[in-house]
C-alpha atoms as a PDB file:
ATOM      1  CA  GLU A   1     -16.037  83.646 -62.932  1.00  0.00           C
ATOM      2  CA  LYS A   2     -15.424  81.577 -59.831  1.00  0.00           C
ATOM      3  CA  HIS A   3     -12.853  84.070 -58.546  1.00  0.00           C
ATOM      4  CA  CYS A   4     -15.203  87.053 -59.023  1.00  0.00           C
ATOM      5  CA  TYR A   5     -15.389  87.550 -55.300  1.00  0.00           C
ATOM      6  CA  ASP A   6     -11.628  88.299 -55.235  1.00  0.00           C
ATOM      7  CA  ILE A   7     -11.813  90.852 -58.130  1.00  0.00           C
ATOM      8  CA  PRO A   8     -13.417  94.109 -56.938  1.00  0.00           C
ATOM      9  CA  ILE A   9     -14.576  95.309 -60.345  1.00  0.00           C
ATOM     10  CA  CYS A  10     -16.141  91.928 -61.078  1.00  0.00           C
ATOM     11  CA  TRP A  11     -17.954  91.813 -57.748  1.00  0.00           C
ATOM     12  CA  SER A  12     -19.299  95.380 -58.236  1.00  0.00           C
ATOM     13  CA  LEU A  13     -20.692  94.575 -61.695  1.00  0.00           C
ATOM     14  CA  ARG A  14     -22.259  91.421 -60.356  1.00  0.00           C
ATOM     15  CA  ALA A  15     -23.993  93.400 -57.617  1.00  0.00           C
ATOM     16  CA  ILE A  16     -25.383  95.797 -60.227  1.00  0.00           C
ATOM     17  CA  PHE A  17     -26.735  92.911 -62.292  1.00  0.00           C
ATOM     18  CA  ASP A  18     -28.411  91.403 -59.216  1.00  0.00           C
ATOM     19  CA  ALA A  19     -30.060  94.768 -58.441  1.00  0.00           C
ATOM     20  CA  LEU A  20     -31.343  94.954 -62.057  1.00  0.00           C
ATOM     21  CA  ASP A  21     -32.819  91.478 -61.658  1.00  0.00           C
ATOM     22  CA  SER A  22     -34.690  92.627 -58.532  1.00  0.00           C
ATOM     23  CA  ILE A  23     -36.036  95.619 -60.409  1.00  0.00           C
ATOM     24  CA  ASP A  24     -37.302  93.338 -63.149  1.00  0.00           C
ATOM     25  CA  GLN A  25     -39.115  91.225 -60.562  1.00  0.00           C
ATOM     26  CA  ILE A  26     -40.724  94.350 -59.010  1.00  0.00           C
ATOM     27  CA  ALA A  27     -41.840  95.444 -62.456  1.00  0.00           C
ATOM     28  CA  GLU A  28     -43.501  92.052 -63.055  1.00  0.00           C
ATOM     29  CA  LYS A  29     -45.334  92.272 -59.658  1.00  0.00           C
ATOM     30  CA  VAL A  30     -46.488  95.814 -60.428  1.00  0.00           C
ATOM     31  CA  LYS A  31     -47.841  94.611 -63.786  1.00  0.00           C
ATOM     32  CA  GLU A  32     -49.799  91.834 -62.016  1.00  0.00           C
ATOM     33  CA  LEU A  33     -51.078  94.313 -59.385  1.00  0.00           C
ATOM     34  CA  SER A  34     -52.276  96.735 -62.082  1.00  0.00           C
ATOM     35  CA  GLY A  35     -54.489  93.913 -63.457  1.00  0.00           C
ATOM     36  CA  GLN A  36     -56.009  93.352 -60.019  1.00  0.00           C
ATOM     37  CA  LEU A  37     -56.559  97.087 -59.563  1.00  0.00           C
ATOM     38  CA  ASP A  38     -58.640  97.035 -62.710  1.00  0.00           C
ATOM     39  CA  GLN A  39     -60.817  94.337 -61.180  1.00  0.00           C
ATOM     40  CA  MET A  40     -61.105  96.353 -57.936  1.00  0.00           C
ATOM     41  CA  ASP A  41     -62.141  99.380 -59.931  1.00  0.00           C
ATOM     42  CA  ILE A  42     -65.013  97.325 -61.336  1.00  0.00           C
ATOM     43  CA  LEU A  43     -66.012  95.892 -57.862  1.00  0.00           C
ATOM     44  CA  MET A  44     -65.879  99.153 -55.909  1.00  0.00           C
ATOM     45  CA  PRO A  45     -69.112 100.644 -57.371  1.00  0.00           C
ATOM     46  CA  GLN A  46     -70.892  97.393 -56.536  1.00  0.00           C
ATOM     47  CA  MET A  47     -69.530  97.438 -52.966  1.00  0.00           C
ATOM     48  CA  ALA A  48     -70.516 101.073 -52.582  1.00  0.00           C
ATOM     49  CA  ALA A  49     -74.044 100.187 -53.662  1.00  0.00           C
ATOM     50  CA  GLN A  50     -74.235  97.591 -50.848  1.00  0.00           C
ATOM     51  CA  LEU A  51     -73.095  99.943 -48.109  1.00  0.00           C
ATOM     52  CA  PRO A  52     -76.516 101.589 -47.511  1.00  0.00           C
ATOM     53  CA  PHE A  53     -78.096  98.175 -46.932  1.00  0.00           C
ATOM     54  CA  GLN A  54     -75.311  97.200 -44.554  1.00  0.00           C
ATOM     55  CA  ILE A  55     -75.682 100.505 -42.712  1.00  0.00           C
ATOM     56  CA  ALA A  56     -79.450  99.878 -42.333  1.00  0.00           C
ATOM     57  CA  ALA A  57     -78.799  96.336 -41.112  1.00  0.00           C
ATOM     58  CA  MET A  58     -76.266  97.596 -38.549  1.00  0.00           C
ATOM     59  CA  LYS A  59     -78.812 100.135 -37.272  1.00  0.00           C
ATOM     60  CA  THR A  60     -81.420  97.377 -36.930  1.00  0.00           C
ATOM     61  CA  MET A  61     -78.907  95.239 -35.065  1.00  0.00           C
ATOM     62  CA  LYS A  62     -78.171  98.201 -32.798  1.00  0.00           C
ATOM     63  CA  ASN A  63     -81.852  98.669 -32.010  1.00  0.00           C
ATOM     64  CA  LEU A  64     -82.238  94.942 -31.304  1.00  0.00           C
ATOM     65  CA  THR A  65     -79.226  94.982 -29.058  1.00  0.00           C
ATOM     66  CA  LEU A  66     -80.669  97.924 -27.055  1.00  0.00           C
ATOM     67  CA  THR A  67     -84.046  96.127 -26.808  1.00  0.00           C
ATOM     68  CA  MET A  68     -82.431  92.939 -25.664  1.00  0.00           C
ATOM     69  CA  HIS A  69     -80.383  94.871 -23.150  1.00  0.00           C
ATOM     70  CA  SER A  70     -83.498  96.500 -21.616  1.00  0.00           C
ATOM     71  CA  SER A  71     -85.320  93.141 -21.579  1.00  0.00           C
ATOM     72  CA  MET A  72     -82.365  91.407 -19.954  1.00  0.00           C
ATOM     73  CA  SER A  73     -82.144  94.133 -17.338  1.00  0.00           C
ATOM     74  CA  SER A  74     -85.713  93.482 -16.192  1.00  0.00           C
ATOM     75  CA  MET A  75     -85.042  89.710 -16.338  1.00  0.00           C
ATOM     76  CA  TYR A  76     -81.940  90.201 -14.181  1.00  0.00           C
ATOM     77  CA  ASP A  77     -84.038  92.101 -11.634  1.00  0.00           C
ATOM     78  CA  GLN A  78     -86.562  89.246 -11.523  1.00  0.00           C
ATOM     79  CA  MET A  79     -83.797  86.676 -11.217  1.00  0.00           C
ATOM     80  CA  ASP A  80     -82.351  88.652  -8.315  1.00  0.00           C
ATOM     81  CA  GLU A  81     -85.700  88.598  -6.554  1.00  0.00           C
ATOM     82  CA  MET A  82     -86.058  84.875  -7.188  1.00  0.00           C
ATOM     83  CA  SER A  83     -82.577  84.220  -5.954  1.00  0.00           C
ATOM     84  CA  LYS A  84     -83.424  85.957  -2.684  1.00  0.00           C
ATOM     85  CA  ASN A  85     -86.120  83.374  -1.939  1.00  0.00           C
ATOM     86  CA  SER A  86     -83.801  80.562  -2.957  1.00  0.00           C
ATOM     87  CA  THR A  87     -81.081  81.903  -0.737  1.00  0.00           C
ATOM     88  CA  ALA A  88     -83.437  82.279   2.208  1.00  0.00           C
ATOM     89  CA  MET A  89     -84.704  78.739   1.573  1.00  0.00           C
ATOM     90  CA  GLY A  90     -81.197  77.325   1.528  1.00  0.00           C
ATOM     91  CA  GLN A  91     -80.257  79.187   4.723  1.00  0.00           C
ATOM     92  CA  ALA A  92     -83.396  77.942   6.455  1.00  0.00           C
ATOM     93  CA  LEU A  93     -82.716  74.328   5.391  1.00  0.00           C
ATOM     94  CA  ASP A  94     -79.099  74.598   6.505  1.00  0.00           C
ATOM     95  CA  ALA A  95     -80.157  75.970   9.825  1.00  0.00           C
ATOM     96  CA  SER A  96     -82.766  73.164  10.337  1.00  0.00           C
ATOM     97  CA  ARG A  97     -80.177  70.432   9.676  1.00  0.00           C
ATOM     98  CA  ASN A  98     -83.055  68.289   8.402  1.00  0.00           C
ATOM     99  CA  ASP A  99     -83.996  67.549   4.814  1.00  0.00           C
ATOM    100  CA  ASP A 100     -87.603  66.892   5.861  1.00  0.00           C
ATOM    101  CA  SER A 101     -88.191  70.548   6.688  1.00  0.00           C
ATOM    102  CA  PHE A 102     -89.873  72.864   4.263  1.00  0.00           C
ATOM    103  CA  PHE A 103     -89.607  76.608   3.658  1.00  0.00           C
ATOM    104  CA  LEU A 104     -92.306  79.264   3.629  1.00  0.00           C
ATOM    105  CA  PRO A 105     -91.422  82.727   2.319  1.00  0.00           C
ATOM    106  CA  PRO A 106     -92.171  85.611   4.730  1.00  0.00           C
ATOM    107  CA  GLU A 107     -94.843  87.002   2.374  1.00  0.00           C
ATOM    108  CA  VAL A 108     -97.058  83.970   3.099  1.00  0.00           C
ATOM    109  CA  PHE A 109     -97.664  85.084   6.662  1.00  0.00           C
ATOM    110  CA  ASP A 110     -99.263  88.321   5.426  1.00  0.00           C
ATOM    111  CA  ASN A 111    -101.914  86.357   3.484  1.00  0.00           C
ATOM    112  CA  PRO A 112    -105.356  86.627   5.236  1.00  0.00           C
ATOM    113  CA  ASP A 113    -106.358  83.084   4.230  1.00  0.00           C
ATOM    114  CA  PHE A 114    -103.120  81.689   5.622  1.00  0.00           C
ATOM    115  CA  LYS A 115    -103.638  83.604   8.860  1.00  0.00           C
ATOM    116  CA  ARG A 116    -107.125  82.135   9.206  1.00  0.00           C
ATOM    117  CA  GLY A 117    -105.790  78.609   8.746  1.00  0.00           C
ATOM    118  CA  MET A 118    -102.841  79.309  11.020  1.00  0.00           C
ATOM    119  CA  ASN A 119    -105.218  80.244  13.864  1.00  0.00           C
ATOM    120  CA  MET A 120    -106.909  76.888  13.477  1.00  0.00           C
ATOM    121  CA  PHE A 121    -103.704  74.879  13.726  1.00  0.00           C
ATOM    122  CA  LEU A 122    -101.455  77.007  15.964  1.00  0.00           C
ATOM    123  CA  SER A 123    -102.028  78.158  19.550  1.00  0.00           C
ATOM    124  CA  PRO A 124    -102.078  81.918  20.178  1.00  0.00           C
ATOM    125  CA  ASP A 125     -98.681  81.773  21.976  1.00  0.00           C
ATOM    126  CA  GLY A 126     -97.169  79.687  19.148  1.00  0.00           C
ATOM    127  CA  HIS A 127     -96.084  76.877  21.519  1.00  0.00           C
ATOM    128  CA  ALA A 128     -98.521  74.197  20.286  1.00  0.00           C
ATOM    129  CA  VAL A 129     -99.461  72.964  16.825  1.00  0.00           C
ATOM    130  CA  ARG A 130    -102.244  70.676  15.672  1.00  0.00           C
ATOM    131  CA  PHE A 131    -102.245  68.161  12.804  1.00  0.00           C
ATOM    132  CA  ILE A 132    -105.348  66.506  11.374  1.00  0.00           C
ATOM    133  CA  ILE A 133    -104.833  62.848  10.350  1.00  0.00           C
ATOM    134  CA  SER A 134    -107.550  61.034   8.446  1.00  0.00           C
ATOM    135  CA  HIS A 135    -107.855  57.226   8.463  1.00  0.00           C
ATOM    136  CA  GLU A 136    -108.611  55.349   5.275  1.00  0.00           C
ATOM    137  CA  GLY A 137    -111.037  53.011   7.064  1.00  0.00           C
ATOM    138  CA  ASP A 138    -113.067  52.969  10.284  1.00  0.00           C
ATOM    139  CA  PRO A 139    -110.852  54.308  13.109  1.00  0.00           C
ATOM    140  CA  ALA A 140    -112.814  52.350  15.741  1.00  0.00           C
ATOM    141  CA  THR A 141    -111.768  49.003  14.272  1.00  0.00           C
ATOM    142  CA  PRO A 142    -108.646  47.059  15.367  1.00  0.00           C
ATOM    143  CA  GLU A 143    -106.949  48.120  12.153  1.00  0.00           C
ATOM    144  CA  GLY A 144    -107.647  51.764  12.859  1.00  0.00           C
ATOM    145  CA  ILE A 145    -106.471  51.400  16.473  1.00  0.00           C
ATOM    146  CA  SER A 146    -103.235  49.778  15.279  1.00  0.00           C
ATOM    147  CA  HIS A 147    -102.308  52.972  13.423  1.00  0.00           C
ATOM    148  CA  ILE A 148    -101.852  55.035  16.606  1.00  0.00           C
ATOM    149  CA  ASP A 149     -98.411  53.674  17.605  1.00  0.00           C
ATOM    150  CA  PRO A 150     -96.896  54.066  14.122  1.00  0.00           C
ATOM    151  CA  ILE A 151     -98.257  57.620  13.919  1.00  0.00           C
ATOM    152  CA  MET A 152     -96.726  58.528  17.263  1.00  0.00           C
ATOM    153  CA  LYS A 153     -93.425  56.913  16.259  1.00  0.00           C
ATOM    154  CA  ALA A 154     -93.347  58.794  12.933  1.00  0.00           C
ATOM    155  CA  ALA A 155     -94.044  62.105  14.712  1.00  0.00           C
ATOM    156  CA  LYS A 156     -91.174  61.517  17.139  1.00  0.00           C
ATOM    157  CA  GLU A 157     -88.818  60.628  14.332  1.00  0.00           C
ATOM    158  CA  ALA A 158     -89.864  63.705  12.350  1.00  0.00           C
ATOM    159  CA  ILE A 159     -88.898  66.197  15.058  1.00  0.00           C
ATOM    160  CA  LYS A 160     -85.482  64.681  15.705  1.00  0.00           C
ATOM    161  CA  GLY A 161     -82.676  67.065  14.841  1.00  0.00           C
ATOM    162  CA  THR A 162     -85.046  70.065  14.723  1.00  0.00           C
ATOM    163  CA  PRO A 163     -85.736  72.839  17.153  1.00  0.00           C
ATOM    164  CA  LEU A 164     -88.926  70.920  18.145  1.00  0.00           C
ATOM    165  CA  GLU A 165     -86.936  67.920  19.396  1.00  0.00           C
ATOM    166  CA  GLY A 166     -88.065  66.961  22.937  1.00  0.00           C
ATOM    167  CA  SER A 167     -91.575  68.397  22.511  1.00  0.00           C
ATOM    168  CA  LYS A 168     -94.563  66.618  24.003  1.00  0.00           C
ATOM    169  CA  LEU A 169     -96.772  64.742  21.557  1.00  0.00           C
ATOM    170  CA  TYR A 170    -100.451  63.882  22.094  1.00  0.00           C
ATOM    171  CA  ILE A 171    -102.984  62.065  19.913  1.00  0.00           C
ATOM    172  CA  SER A 172    -106.735  62.402  20.245  1.00  0.00           C
ATOM    173  CA  GLY A 173    -109.667  61.158  18.253  1.00  0.00           C
ATOM    174  CA  THR A 174    -111.781  58.030  17.922  1.00  0.00           C
ATOM    175  CA  ALA A 175    -108.893  55.602  17.314  1.00  0.00           C
ATOM    176  CA  SER A 176    -106.832  57.063  20.170  1.00  0.00           C
ATOM    177  CA  VAL A 177    -109.740  56.974  22.581  1.00  0.00           C
ATOM    178  CA  PHE A 178    -110.544  53.335  21.720  1.00  0.00           C
ATOM    179  CA  LYS A 179    -106.902  52.450  22.048  1.00  0.00           C
ATOM    180  CA  ASP A 180    -106.776  53.999  25.518  1.00  0.00           C
ATOM    181  CA  MET A 181    -109.953  52.108  26.457  1.00  0.00           C
ATOM    182  CA  ARG A 182    -108.480  48.867  25.080  1.00  0.00           C
ATOM    183  CA  ASP A 183    -105.193  49.314  26.900  1.00  0.00           C
ATOM    184  CA  GLY A 184    -106.930  50.371  30.090  1.00  0.00           C
ATOM    185  CA  SER A 185    -109.370  47.468  29.927  1.00  0.00           C
ATOM    186  CA  ARG A 186    -106.483  45.066  29.361  1.00  0.00           C
ATOM    187  CA  TRP A 187    -104.783  46.127  32.575  1.00  0.00           C
ATOM    188  CA  ASP A 188    -108.083  46.310  34.453  1.00  0.00           C
ATOM    189  CA  LEU A 189    -108.979  42.829  33.135  1.00  0.00           C
ATOM    190  CA  MET A 190    -105.674  41.456  34.336  1.00  0.00           C
ATOM    191  CA  ILE A 191    -106.065  43.031  37.775  1.00  0.00           C
ATOM    192  CA  VAL A 192    -109.660  41.907  38.069  1.00  0.00           C
ATOM    193  CA  GLY A 193    -108.883  38.391  36.858  1.00  0.00           C
ATOM    194  CA  VAL A 194    -106.000  37.880  39.297  1.00  0.00           C
ATOM    195  CA  ALA A 195    -107.907  39.486  42.176  1.00  0.00           C
ATOM    196  CA  ALA A 196    -111.072  37.434  41.424  1.00  0.00           C
ATOM    197  CA  ALA A 197    -109.170  34.163  41.063  1.00  0.00           C
ATOM    198  CA  SER A 198    -107.329  34.815  44.305  1.00  0.00           C
ATOM    199  CA  LEU A 199    -110.532  35.781  46.147  1.00  0.00           C
ATOM    200  CA  ILE A 200    -112.372  32.712  44.816  1.00  0.00           C
ATOM    201  CA  PHE A 201    -109.461  30.513  45.840  1.00  0.00           C
ATOM    202  CA  ILE A 202    -109.521  31.917  49.403  1.00  0.00           C
ATOM    203  CA  ILE A 203    -113.288  31.517  49.688  1.00  0.00           C
ATOM    204  CA  MET A 204    -113.157  27.980  48.285  1.00  0.00           C
ATOM    205  CA  LEU A 205    -110.368  27.151  50.654  1.00  0.00           C
ATOM    206  CA  ILE A 206    -112.400  28.344  53.633  1.00  0.00           C
ATOM    207  CA  ILE A 207    -115.556  26.525  52.517  1.00  0.00           C
ATOM    208  CA  THR A 208    -114.009  23.222  51.397  1.00  0.00           C
ATOM    209  CA  ARG A 209    -111.109  23.335  53.891  1.00  0.00           C
ATOM    210  CA  SER A 210    -109.022  21.639  51.221  1.00  0.00           C
ATOM    211  CA  ILE A 211    -106.192  23.120  49.100  1.00  0.00           C
ATOM    212  CA  VAL A 212    -106.635  20.551  46.418  1.00  0.00           C
ATOM    213  CA  ALA A 213    -110.339  21.233  46.117  1.00  0.00           C
ATOM    214  CA  ALA A 214    -109.795  24.980  46.033  1.00  0.00           C
ATOM    215  CA  PHE A 215    -107.119  24.639  43.332  1.00  0.00           C
ATOM    216  CA  THR A 216    -109.385  22.301  41.392  1.00  0.00           C
ATOM    217  CA  ILE A 217    -112.290  24.707  41.452  1.00  0.00           C
ATOM    218  CA  VAL A 218    -110.126  27.710  40.382  1.00  0.00           C
ATOM    219  CA  GLY A 219    -108.219  25.603  37.810  1.00  0.00           C
ATOM    220  CA  THR A 220    -111.407  24.255  36.138  1.00  0.00           C
ATOM    221  CA  VAL A 221    -112.805  27.806  35.979  1.00  0.00           C
ATOM    222  CA  LEU A 222    -109.643  29.121  34.258  1.00  0.00           C
ATOM    223  CA  VAL A 223    -109.594  26.197  31.838  1.00  0.00           C
ATOM    224  CA  SER A 224    -113.265  26.679  30.984  1.00  0.00           C
ATOM    225  CA  LEU A 225    -112.600  30.376  30.540  1.00  0.00           C
ATOM    226  CA  GLY A 226    -109.735  29.794  28.090  1.00  0.00           C
ATOM    227  CA  ALA A 227    -111.613  27.072  26.194  1.00  0.00           C
ATOM    228  CA  SER A 228    -114.801  29.163  25.837  1.00  0.00           C
ATOM    229  CA  PHE A 229    -112.895  32.236  24.623  1.00  0.00           C
ATOM    230  CA  GLY A 230    -110.819  30.138  22.275  1.00  0.00           C
ATOM    231  CA  LEU A 231    -113.904  28.517  20.803  1.00  0.00           C
ATOM    232  CA  SER A 232    -115.573  31.926  20.443  1.00  0.00           C
ATOM    233  CA  VAL A 233    -112.588  33.262  18.488  1.00  0.00           C
ATOM    234  CA  LEU A 234    -112.474  30.111  16.313  1.00  0.00           C
ATOM    235  CA  VAL A 235    -116.198  30.180  15.514  1.00  0.00           C
ATOM    236  CA  TRP A 236    -116.884  33.865  15.143  1.00  0.00           C
ATOM    237  CA  GLN A 237    -113.589  35.326  13.855  1.00  0.00           C
ATOM    238  CA  ASP A 238    -111.941  32.448  12.007  1.00  0.00           C
ATOM    239  CA  ILE A 239    -115.001  30.673  10.603  1.00  0.00           C
ATOM    240  CA  MET A 240    -117.818  33.278  10.567  1.00  0.00           C
ATOM    241  CA  GLN A 241    -115.411  36.218   9.865  1.00  0.00           C
ATOM    242  CA  PHE A 242    -116.984  38.456  12.546  1.00  0.00           C
ATOM    243  CA  GLU A 243    -114.656  40.532  14.680  1.00  0.00           C
ATOM    244  CA  LEU A 244    -115.272  40.090  18.418  1.00  0.00           C
ATOM    245  CA  HIS A 245    -115.710  43.214  20.454  1.00  0.00           C
ATOM    246  CA  TRP A 246    -113.054  43.916  23.060  1.00  0.00           C
ATOM    247  CA  MET A 247    -115.697  43.740  25.794  1.00  0.00           C
ATOM    248  CA  VAL A 248    -116.380  40.063  25.077  1.00  0.00           C
ATOM    249  CA  LEU A 249    -113.334  38.913  27.027  1.00  0.00           C
ATOM    250  CA  ALA A 250    -114.180  41.123  30.017  1.00  0.00           C
ATOM    251  CA  MET A 251    -117.787  39.945  30.158  1.00  0.00           C
ATOM    252  CA  SER A 252    -116.705  36.345  29.676  1.00  0.00           C
ATOM    253  CA  ILE A 253    -114.382  36.512  32.620  1.00  0.00           C
ATOM    254  CA  ILE A 254    -117.038  38.091  34.856  1.00  0.00           C
ATOM    255  CA  LEU A 255    -119.711  35.508  33.957  1.00  0.00           C
ATOM    256  CA  LEU A 256    -117.534  32.415  33.833  1.00  0.00           C
ATOM    257  CA  LEU A 257    -115.718  33.154  37.077  1.00  0.00           C
ATOM    258  CA  ALA A 258    -118.994  33.696  38.926  1.00  0.00           C
ATOM    259  CA  VAL A 259    -121.063  30.915  37.399  1.00  0.00           C
ATOM    260  CA  GLY A 260    -118.205  28.435  37.055  1.00  0.00           C
ATOM    261  CA  SER A 261    -117.169  28.834  40.642  1.00  0.00           C
ATOM    262  CA  ASP A 262    -120.706  28.238  41.906  1.00  0.00           C
ATOM    263  CA  TYR A 263    -121.177  25.060  39.917  1.00  0.00           C
ATOM    264  CA  ASN A 264    -117.721  23.807  40.780  1.00  0.00           C
ATOM    265  CA  LEU A 265    -118.441  24.457  44.449  1.00  0.00           C
ATOM    266  CA  LEU A 266    -121.688  22.512  44.219  1.00  0.00           C
ATOM    267  CA  LEU A 267    -119.836  19.648  42.457  1.00  0.00           C
ATOM    268  CA  VAL A 268    -117.079  19.480  45.055  1.00  0.00           C
ATOM    269  CA  SER A 269    -119.612  19.682  47.875  1.00  0.00           C
ATOM    270  CA  ARG A 270    -121.509  16.759  46.347  1.00  0.00           C
ATOM    271  CA  PHE A 271    -118.292  14.765  46.121  1.00  0.00           C
ATOM    272  CA  LYS A 272    -117.578  15.419  49.799  1.00  0.00           C
ATOM    273  CA  GLU A 273    -121.053  14.243  50.744  1.00  0.00           C
ATOM    274  CA  GLU A 274    -120.673  11.030  48.820  1.00  0.00           C
ATOM    275  CA  ILE A 275    -117.209  10.414  50.222  1.00  0.00           C
END
């Protein structure tokens, strides 16, 4: 009836029928559930049989967890100790403001072997340090001597931006000594050459009483000196592949200035006699 909503008795009966339908649905669900309960009744003994194995497995897992916890605790302690060194290293590098610096843990300074080596390379007051540098070849050769300036430059660059900046640097050894001798002989040779040429010019000027003759004598001596030394380098170093000693130039100047001046003086004197 489409007007059942307006008729009270009709609407009441309809509500009763709807309730009965719901009860029928519940009965059907209970019937289905009773079938599943039968299956659960069959599975429960099997599940109960598995519980002891699960309990044993859980106990084993508990023991493993405790063992791992104790192991991890000791590992955490070791990691804490390791992190202390890393932290100290980072703080030292930050304080140095230089990536070229390195870090030594405080425990190293208690090592007897390290103390013995430290006494060899550090002064007692701690204000001086020594480095040992080994050459690949002969340090007394020109190649070995040429390494001194790059070594000094590298040392100055290394201490820039560190607490050691501004420190005095010194180099000793065979190569350094030969370099000092070479540099000193170069200045001495220049002074001796200029002084000898000037003295010879004055003496020739007094003897010949001619500026042209004096200049000629000194000029020919200097030309012969340059030519002889150039030929020596060409023959011995370029052709024969023998390195000339640094004393060759000094001895050449001494001999050629003395001998050349005498022979030039004799030649000029002979010219004056003929003229």
